[in-house]
Amino acid sequence: MRTTIRRIGNSQGVLIPKLILAQLGLEAEVDMAVEGDALVIRKPKKKAREGWAEASQAVASAGDDALVMTDFPNTDDAELVW
């Protein structure tokens, strides 16, 4: 697909059709780089632990956050020497 470079304020830009954005899953932000003689636009990589807070809240509200292992008794601790 060939398109034109347009003036946008003091800068210039290329309009990307909505269909292409949807096909690639591009939303609010992109990573942009120059590779050789090409401008490459990619989806940003997810940050480490992104979405963990929301996921843990969903687990807690579903009541699925019970302990996997039961408490361990400390009956044998009396024999330990510190």
PDB file of N, CA and C in Angstrom:
ATOM      1  N   MET A   1       0.845  -1.162   0.000  1.00  0.00           N
ATOM      2  CA  MET A   1       0.000   0.000   0.000  1.00  0.00           C
ATOM      3  C   MET A   1       0.897   1.233   0.000  1.00  0.00           C
ATOM      4  N   ARG A   2       0.593   2.150  -0.830  1.00  0.00           N
ATOM      5  CA  ARG A   2       1.329   3.403  -0.900  1.00  0.00           C
ATOM      6  C   ARG A   2       0.455   4.493  -0.302  1.00  0.00           C
ATOM      7  N   THR A   3       1.075   5.365   0.489  1.00  0.00           N
ATOM      8  CA  THR A   3       0.346   6.471   1.097  1.00  0.00           C
ATOM      9  C   THR A   3       1.234   7.701   1.093  1.00  0.00           C
ATOM     10  N   THR A   4       0.703   8.815   1.505  1.00  0.00           N
ATOM     11  CA  THR A   4       1.478  10.061   1.483  1.00  0.00           C
ATOM     12  C   THR A   4       1.858  10.476   2.894  1.00  0.00           C
ATOM     13  N   ILE A   5       2.910  11.254   2.988  1.00  0.00           N
ATOM     14  CA  ILE A   5       3.321  11.842   4.252  1.00  0.00           C
ATOM     15  C   ILE A   5       2.607  13.184   4.356  1.00  0.00           C
ATOM     16  N   ARG A   6       1.942  13.415   5.479  1.00  0.00           N
ATOM     17  CA  ARG A   6       1.122  14.618   5.644  1.00  0.00           C
ATOM     18  C   ARG A   6       1.667  15.486   6.773  1.00  0.00           C
ATOM     19  N   ARG A   7       1.414  16.758   6.654  1.00  0.00           N
ATOM     20  CA  ARG A   7       1.796  17.694   7.699  1.00  0.00           C
ATOM     21  C   ARG A   7       0.774  17.587   8.824  1.00  0.00           C
ATOM     22  N   ILE A   8       1.293  17.430  10.053  1.00  0.00           N
ATOM     23  CA  ILE A   8       0.458  17.371  11.249  1.00  0.00           C
ATOM     24  C   ILE A   8       1.083  18.339  12.251  1.00  0.00           C
ATOM     25  N   GLY A   9       0.552  19.558  12.303  1.00  0.00           N
ATOM     26  CA  GLY A   9       1.148  20.584  13.155  1.00  0.00           C
ATOM     27  C   GLY A   9       2.530  20.930  12.632  1.00  0.00           C
ATOM     28  N   ASN A  10       3.536  20.912  13.525  1.00  0.00           N
ATOM     29  CA  ASN A  10       4.914  21.186  13.121  1.00  0.00           C
ATOM     30  C   ASN A  10       5.634  19.916  12.678  1.00  0.00           C
ATOM     31  N   SER A  11       4.954  18.790  12.712  1.00  0.00           N
ATOM     32  CA  SER A  11       5.561  17.511  12.346  1.00  0.00           C
ATOM     33  C   SER A  11       4.943  16.993  11.062  1.00  0.00           C
ATOM     34  N   GLN A  12       5.344  15.791  10.708  1.00  0.00           N
ATOM     35  CA  GLN A  12       4.741  15.107   9.576  1.00  0.00           C
ATOM     36  C   GLN A  12       4.394  13.697  10.008  1.00  0.00           C
ATOM     37  N   GLY A  13       3.397  13.117   9.351  1.00  0.00           N
ATOM     38  CA  GLY A  13       2.975  11.788   9.740  1.00  0.00           C
ATOM     39  C   GLY A  13       2.328  11.035   8.607  1.00  0.00           C
ATOM     40  N   VAL A  14       2.131   9.767   8.862  1.00  0.00           N
ATOM     41  CA  VAL A  14       1.476   8.882   7.905  1.00  0.00           C
ATOM     42  C   VAL A  14       0.207   8.373   8.583  1.00  0.00           C
ATOM     43  N   LEU A  15      -0.922   8.470   7.928  1.00  0.00           N
ATOM     44  CA  LEU A  15      -2.167   7.940   8.477  1.00  0.00           C
ATOM     45  C   LEU A  15      -2.224   6.443   8.186  1.00  0.00           C
ATOM     46  N   ILE A  16      -2.496   5.678   9.228  1.00  0.00           N
ATOM     47  CA  ILE A  16      -2.597   4.226   9.085  1.00  0.00           C
ATOM     48  C   ILE A  16      -4.079   3.878   9.108  1.00  0.00           C
ATOM     49  N   PRO A  17      -4.581   3.208   8.080  1.00  0.00           N
ATOM     50  CA  PRO A  17      -6.002   2.858   8.043  1.00  0.00           C
ATOM     51  C   PRO A  17      -6.426   2.021   9.249  1.00  0.00           C
ATOM     52  N   LYS A  18      -7.646   2.259   9.703  1.00  0.00           N
ATOM     53  CA  LYS A  18      -8.200   1.566  10.861  1.00  0.00           C
ATOM     54  C   LYS A  18      -8.161   0.049  10.690  1.00  0.00           C
ATOM     55  N   LEU A  19      -8.417  -0.431   9.489  1.00  0.00           N
ATOM     56  CA  LEU A  19      -8.407  -1.867   9.210  1.00  0.00           C
ATOM     57  C   LEU A  19      -7.031  -2.482   9.496  1.00  0.00           C
ATOM     58  N   ILE A  20      -5.970  -1.779   9.112  1.00  0.00           N
ATOM     59  CA  ILE A  20      -4.616  -2.291   9.358  1.00  0.00           C
ATOM     60  C   ILE A  20      -4.303  -2.267  10.846  1.00  0.00           C
ATOM     61  N   LEU A  21      -4.687  -1.190  11.541  1.00  0.00           N
ATOM     62  CA  LEU A  21      -4.462  -1.120  12.988  1.00  0.00           C
ATOM     63  C   LEU A  21      -5.162  -2.271  13.702  1.00  0.00           C
ATOM     64  N   ALA A  22      -6.394  -2.534  13.302  1.00  0.00           N
ATOM     65  CA  ALA A  22      -7.149  -3.627  13.917  1.00  0.00           C
ATOM     66  C   ALA A  22      -6.524  -4.984  13.607  1.00  0.00           C
ATOM     67  N   GLN A  23      -6.073  -5.164  12.374  1.00  0.00           N
ATOM     68  CA  GLN A  23      -5.470  -6.433  11.967  1.00  0.00           C
ATOM     69  C   GLN A  23      -4.206  -6.721  12.771  1.00  0.00           C
ATOM     70  N   LEU A  24      -3.440  -5.687  13.079  1.00  0.00           N
ATOM     71  CA  LEU A  24      -2.196  -5.851  13.835  1.00  0.00           C
ATOM     72  C   LEU A  24      -2.394  -5.761  15.342  1.00  0.00           C
ATOM     73  N   GLY A  25      -3.574  -5.327  15.774  1.00  0.00           N
ATOM     74  CA  GLY A  25      -3.831  -5.186  17.200  1.00  0.00           C
ATOM     75  C   GLY A  25      -3.136  -3.979  17.801  1.00  0.00           C
ATOM     76  N   LEU A  26      -2.865  -2.961  16.984  1.00  0.00           N
ATOM     77  CA  LEU A  26      -2.212  -1.754  17.492  1.00  0.00           C
ATOM     78  C   LEU A  26      -3.263  -0.849  18.098  1.00  0.00           C
ATOM     79  N   GLU A  27      -2.946  -0.279  19.257  1.00  0.00           N
ATOM     80  CA  GLU A  27      -3.914   0.566  19.948  1.00  0.00           C
ATOM     81  C   GLU A  27      -3.330   1.944  20.219  1.00  0.00           C
ATOM     82  N   ALA A  28      -3.105   2.290  21.477  1.00  0.00           N
ATOM     83  CA  ALA A  28      -2.725   3.650  21.845  1.00  0.00           C
ATOM     84  C   ALA A  28      -1.238   3.936  21.646  1.00  0.00           C
ATOM     85  N   GLU A  29      -0.380   2.950  21.829  1.00  0.00           N
ATOM     86  CA  GLU A  29       1.056   3.164  21.733  1.00  0.00           C
ATOM     87  C   GLU A  29       1.689   2.135  20.813  1.00  0.00           C
ATOM     88  N   VAL A  30       2.810   2.513  20.213  1.00  0.00           N
ATOM     89  CA  VAL A  30       3.589   1.599  19.373  1.00  0.00           C
ATOM     90  C   VAL A  30       5.068   1.802  19.675  1.00  0.00           C
ATOM     91  N   ASP A  31       5.868   0.807  19.355  1.00  0.00           N
ATOM     92  CA  ASP A  31       7.319   0.948  19.349  1.00  0.00           C
ATOM     93  C   ASP A  31       7.724   1.222  17.912  1.00  0.00           C
ATOM     94  N   MET A  32       8.576   2.206  17.714  1.00  0.00           N
ATOM     95  CA  MET A  32       8.987   2.594  16.376  1.00  0.00           C
ATOM     96  C   MET A  32      10.505   2.561  16.311  1.00  0.00           C
ATOM     97  N   ALA A  33      11.051   2.020  15.206  1.00  0.00           N
ATOM     98  CA  ALA A  33      12.502   1.927  15.043  1.00  0.00           C
ATOM     99  C   ALA A  33      12.855   2.036  13.567  1.00  0.00           C
ATOM    100  N   VAL A  34      14.082   2.451  13.328  1.00  0.00           N
ATOM    101  CA  VAL A  34      14.615   2.467  11.970  1.00  0.00           C
ATOM    102  C   VAL A  34      15.503   1.240  11.837  1.00  0.00           C
ATOM    103  N   GLU A  35      15.197   0.387  10.865  1.00  0.00           N
ATOM    104  CA  GLU A  35      15.991  -0.816  10.597  1.00  0.00           C
ATOM    105  C   GLU A  35      16.422  -0.750   9.145  1.00  0.00           C
ATOM    106  N   GLY A  36      17.702  -0.468   8.950  1.00  0.00           N
ATOM    107  CA  GLY A  36      18.199  -0.282   7.590  1.00  0.00           C
ATOM    108  C   GLY A  36      17.546   0.943   6.988  1.00  0.00           C
ATOM    109  N   ASP A  37      16.870   0.765   5.882  1.00  0.00           N
ATOM    110  CA  ASP A  37      16.176   1.894   5.255  1.00  0.00           C
ATOM    111  C   ASP A  37      14.662   1.818   5.459  1.00  0.00           C
ATOM    112  N   ALA A  38      14.235   1.125   6.524  1.00  0.00           N
ATOM    113  CA  ALA A  38      12.809   0.943   6.776  1.00  0.00           C
ATOM    114  C   ALA A  38      12.408   1.499   8.135  1.00  0.00           C
ATOM    115  N   LEU A  39      11.222   2.057   8.190  1.00  0.00           N
ATOM    116  CA  LEU A  39      10.609   2.471   9.447  1.00  0.00           C
ATOM    117  C   LEU A  39       9.734   1.308   9.897  1.00  0.00           C
ATOM    118  N   VAL A  40      10.013   0.777  11.081  1.00  0.00           N
ATOM    119  CA  VAL A  40       9.288  -0.393  11.572  1.00  0.00           C
ATOM    120  C   VAL A  40       8.450   0.030  12.777  1.00  0.00           C
ATOM    121  N   ILE A  41       7.165  -0.282  12.719  1.00  0.00           N
ATOM    122  CA  ILE A  41       6.241   0.018  13.809  1.00  0.00           C
ATOM    123  C   ILE A  41       5.738  -1.312  14.359  1.00  0.00           C
ATOM    124  N   ARG A  42       5.909  -1.508  15.675  1.00  0.00           N
ATOM    125  CA  ARG A  42       5.518  -2.767  16.319  1.00  0.00           C
ATOM    126  C   ARG A  42       4.658  -2.488  17.538  1.00  0.00           C
ATOM    127  N   LYS A  43       3.936  -3.542  17.965  1.00  0.00           N
ATOM    128  CA  LYS A  43       3.222  -3.483  19.236  1.00  0.00           C
ATOM    129  C   LYS A  43       4.261  -3.366  20.342  1.00  0.00           C
ATOM    130  N   PRO A  44       4.004  -2.542  21.361  1.00  0.00           N
ATOM    131  CA  PRO A  44       4.946  -2.491  22.483  1.00  0.00           C
ATOM    132  C   PRO A  44       4.953  -3.825  23.215  1.00  0.00           C
ATOM    133  N   LYS A  45       6.128  -4.229  23.670  1.00  0.00           N
ATOM    134  CA  LYS A  45       6.219  -5.453  24.463  1.00  0.00           C
ATOM    135  C   LYS A  45       5.590  -5.192  25.814  1.00  0.00           C
ATOM    136  N   LYS A  46       4.938  -6.192  26.337  1.00  0.00           N
ATOM    137  CA  LYS A  46       4.318  -6.039  27.651  1.00  0.00           C
ATOM    138  C   LYS A  46       5.413  -5.882  28.696  1.00  0.00           C
ATOM    139  N   LYS A  47       5.134  -5.036  29.662  1.00  0.00           N
ATOM    140  CA  LYS A  47       6.060  -4.831  30.762  1.00  0.00           C
ATOM    141  C   LYS A  47       5.923  -5.998  31.721  1.00  0.00           C
ATOM    142  N   ALA A  48       7.004  -6.313  32.411  1.00  0.00           N
ATOM    143  CA  ALA A  48       6.974  -7.398  33.383  1.00  0.00           C
ATOM    144  C   ALA A  48       5.890  -7.130  34.414  1.00  0.00           C
ATOM    145  N   ARG A  49       5.117  -8.109  34.701  1.00  0.00           N
ATOM    146  CA  ARG A  49       4.045  -8.072  35.699  1.00  0.00           C
ATOM    147  C   ARG A  49       2.886  -7.161  35.322  1.00  0.00           C
ATOM    148  N   GLU A  50       2.815  -6.761  34.072  1.00  0.00           N
ATOM    149  CA  GLU A  50       1.692  -5.918  33.650  1.00  0.00           C
ATOM    150  C   GLU A  50       0.399  -6.710  33.764  1.00  0.00           C
ATOM    151  N   GLY A  51      -0.586  -6.139  34.417  1.00  0.00           N
ATOM    152  CA  GLY A  51      -1.878  -6.786  34.568  1.00  0.00           C
ATOM    153  C   GLY A  51      -1.988  -7.709  35.767  1.00  0.00           C
ATOM    154  N   TRP A  52      -0.897  -7.893  36.521  1.00  0.00           N
ATOM    155  CA  TRP A  52      -0.942  -8.798  37.668  1.00  0.00           C
ATOM    156  C   TRP A  52      -1.891  -8.290  38.746  1.00  0.00           C
ATOM    157  N   ALA A  53      -1.897  -6.983  38.990  1.00  0.00           N
ATOM    158  CA  ALA A  53      -2.749  -6.432  40.047  1.00  0.00           C
ATOM    159  C   ALA A  53      -4.213  -6.708  39.732  1.00  0.00           C
ATOM    160  N   GLU A  54      -4.604  -6.465  38.485  1.00  0.00           N
ATOM    161  CA  GLU A  54      -5.994  -6.693  38.091  1.00  0.00           C
ATOM    162  C   GLU A  54      -6.345  -8.175  38.179  1.00  0.00           C
ATOM    163  N   ALA A  55      -5.424  -9.035  37.769  1.00  0.00           N
ATOM    164  CA  ALA A  55      -5.678 -10.476  37.803  1.00  0.00           C
ATOM    165  C   ALA A  55      -5.826 -10.965  39.241  1.00  0.00           C
ATOM    166  N   SER A  56      -4.990 -10.467  40.152  1.00  0.00           N
ATOM    167  CA  SER A  56      -5.094 -10.916  41.543  1.00  0.00           C
ATOM    168  C   SER A  56      -6.373 -10.400  42.189  1.00  0.00           C
ATOM    169  N   GLN A  57      -6.819  -9.193  41.804  1.00  0.00           N
ATOM    170  CA  GLN A  57      -8.093  -8.696  42.323  1.00  0.00           C
ATOM    171  C   GLN A  57      -9.255  -9.549  41.825  1.00  0.00           C
ATOM    172  N   ALA A  58      -9.168  -9.998  40.577  1.00  0.00           N
ATOM    173  CA  ALA A  58     -10.229 -10.844  40.025  1.00  0.00           C
ATOM    174  C   ALA A  58     -10.272 -12.189  40.750  1.00  0.00           C
ATOM    175  N   VAL A  59      -9.100 -12.750  41.063  1.00  0.00           N
ATOM    176  CA  VAL A  59      -9.045 -14.025  41.789  1.00  0.00           C
ATOM    177  C   VAL A  59      -9.633 -13.850  43.186  1.00  0.00           C
ATOM    178  N   ALA A  60      -9.263 -12.750  43.854  1.00  0.00           N
ATOM    179  CA  ALA A  60      -9.768 -12.507  45.210  1.00  0.00           C
ATOM    180  C   ALA A  60     -11.277 -12.311  45.199  1.00  0.00           C
ATOM    181  N   SER A  61     -11.802 -11.533  44.234  1.00  0.00           N
ATOM    182  CA  SER A  61     -13.254 -11.325  44.217  1.00  0.00           C
ATOM    183  C   SER A  61     -14.011 -12.586  43.858  1.00  0.00           C
ATOM    184  N   ALA A  62     -13.371 -13.517  43.164  1.00  0.00           N
ATOM    185  CA  ALA A  62     -14.027 -14.781  42.841  1.00  0.00           C
ATOM    186  C   ALA A  62     -13.961 -15.750  44.026  1.00  0.00           C
ATOM    187  N   GLY A  63     -13.223 -15.365  45.093  1.00  0.00           N
ATOM    188  CA  GLY A  63     -13.097 -16.234  46.259  1.00  0.00           C
ATOM    189  C   GLY A  63     -12.186 -17.411  46.015  1.00  0.00           C
ATOM    190  N   ASP A  64     -11.321 -17.298  45.030  1.00  0.00           N
ATOM    191  CA  ASP A  64     -10.442 -18.410  44.664  1.00  0.00           C
ATOM    192  C   ASP A  64      -9.015 -18.165  45.146  1.00  0.00           C
ATOM    193  N   ASP A  65      -8.874 -17.493  46.298  1.00  0.00           N
ATOM    194  CA  ASP A  65      -7.540 -17.162  46.786  1.00  0.00           C
ATOM    195  C   ASP A  65      -7.212 -17.855  48.105  1.00  0.00           C
ATOM    196  N   ALA A  66      -7.771 -19.028  48.322  1.00  0.00           N
ATOM    197  CA  ALA A  66      -7.482 -19.786  49.541  1.00  0.00           C
ATOM    198  C   ALA A  66      -6.065 -20.366  49.487  1.00  0.00           C
ATOM    199  N   LEU A  67      -5.514 -20.651  50.672  1.00  0.00           N
ATOM    200  CA  LEU A  67      -4.183 -21.246  50.716  1.00  0.00           C
ATOM    201  C   LEU A  67      -4.197 -22.622  50.070  1.00  0.00           C
ATOM    202  N   VAL A  68      -3.145 -22.911  49.309  1.00  0.00           N
ATOM    203  CA  VAL A  68      -3.045 -24.211  48.659  1.00  0.00           C
ATOM    204  C   VAL A  68      -2.609 -25.260  49.671  1.00  0.00           C
ATOM    205  N   MET A  69      -1.673 -24.897  50.534  1.00  0.00           N
ATOM    206  CA  MET A  69      -1.182 -25.822  51.559  1.00  0.00           C
ATOM    207  C   MET A  69      -1.706 -25.351  52.913  1.00  0.00           C
ATOM    208  N   THR A  70      -1.981 -26.278  53.778  1.00  0.00           N
ATOM    209  CA  THR A  70      -2.460 -25.910  55.113  1.00  0.00           C
ATOM    210  C   THR A  70      -1.282 -25.422  55.957  1.00  0.00           C
ATOM    211  N   ASP A  71      -1.613 -24.902  57.125  1.00  0.00           N
ATOM    212  CA  ASP A  71      -0.553 -24.459  58.044  1.00  0.00           C
ATOM    213  C   ASP A  71       0.247 -25.659  58.518  1.00  0.00           C
ATOM    214  N   PHE A  72       1.541 -25.441  58.743  1.00  0.00           N
ATOM    215  CA  PHE A  72       2.412 -26.503  59.233  1.00  0.00           C
ATOM    216  C   PHE A  72       2.574 -26.348  60.735  1.00  0.00           C
ATOM    217  N   PRO A  73       2.350 -27.397  61.481  1.00  0.00           N
ATOM    218  CA  PRO A  73       2.561 -27.301  62.928  1.00  0.00           C
ATOM    219  C   PRO A  73       4.058 -27.221  63.234  1.00  0.00           C
ATOM    220  N   ASN A  74       4.395 -26.589  64.326  1.00  0.00           N
ATOM    221  CA  ASN A  74       5.791 -26.445  64.727  1.00  0.00           C
ATOM    222  C   ASN A  74       6.134 -27.340  65.907  1.00  0.00           C
ATOM    223  N   THR A  75       5.575 -28.545  65.944  1.00  0.00           N
ATOM    224  CA  THR A  75       5.785 -29.419  67.079  1.00  0.00           C
ATOM    225  C   THR A  75       7.234 -29.863  67.227  1.00  0.00           C
ATOM    226  N   ASP A  76       7.938 -30.014  66.135  1.00  0.00           N
ATOM    227  CA  ASP A  76       9.332 -30.481  66.211  1.00  0.00           C
ATOM    228  C   ASP A  76      10.318 -29.348  66.423  1.00  0.00           C
ATOM    229  N   ASP A  77       9.861 -28.118  66.474  1.00  0.00           N
ATOM    230  CA  ASP A  77      10.774 -26.980  66.613  1.00  0.00           C
ATOM    231  C   ASP A  77      11.463 -26.940  67.971  1.00  0.00           C
ATOM    232  N   ALA A  78      10.876 -27.540  69.005  1.00  0.00           N
ATOM    233  CA  ALA A  78      11.461 -27.506  70.342  1.00  0.00           C
ATOM    234  C   ALA A  78      12.834 -28.167  70.356  1.00  0.00           C
ATOM    235  N   GLU A  79      13.071 -29.115  69.453  1.00  0.00           N
ATOM    236  CA  GLU A  79      14.346 -29.842  69.432  1.00  0.00           C
ATOM    237  C   GLU A  79      15.441 -29.045  68.718  1.00  0.00           C
ATOM    238  N   LEU A  80      15.074 -28.008  67.973  1.00  0.00           N
ATOM    239  CA  LEU A  80      16.054 -27.231  67.230  1.00  0.00           C
ATOM    240  C   LEU A  80      16.862 -26.354  68.181  1.00  0.00           C
ATOM    241  N   VAL A  81      18.156 -26.243  67.873  1.00  0.00           N
ATOM    242  CA  VAL A  81      19.026 -25.387  68.666  1.00  0.00           C
ATOM    243  C   VAL A  81      19.440 -24.221  67.796  1.00  0.00           C
ATOM    244  N   TRP A  82      19.191 -23.033  68.269  1.00  0.00           N
ATOM    245  CA  TRP A  82      19.522 -21.840  67.491  1.00  0.00           C
ATOM    246  C   TRP A  82      20.753 -21.188  68.022  1.00  0.00           C
TER     247      TRP A  82
END
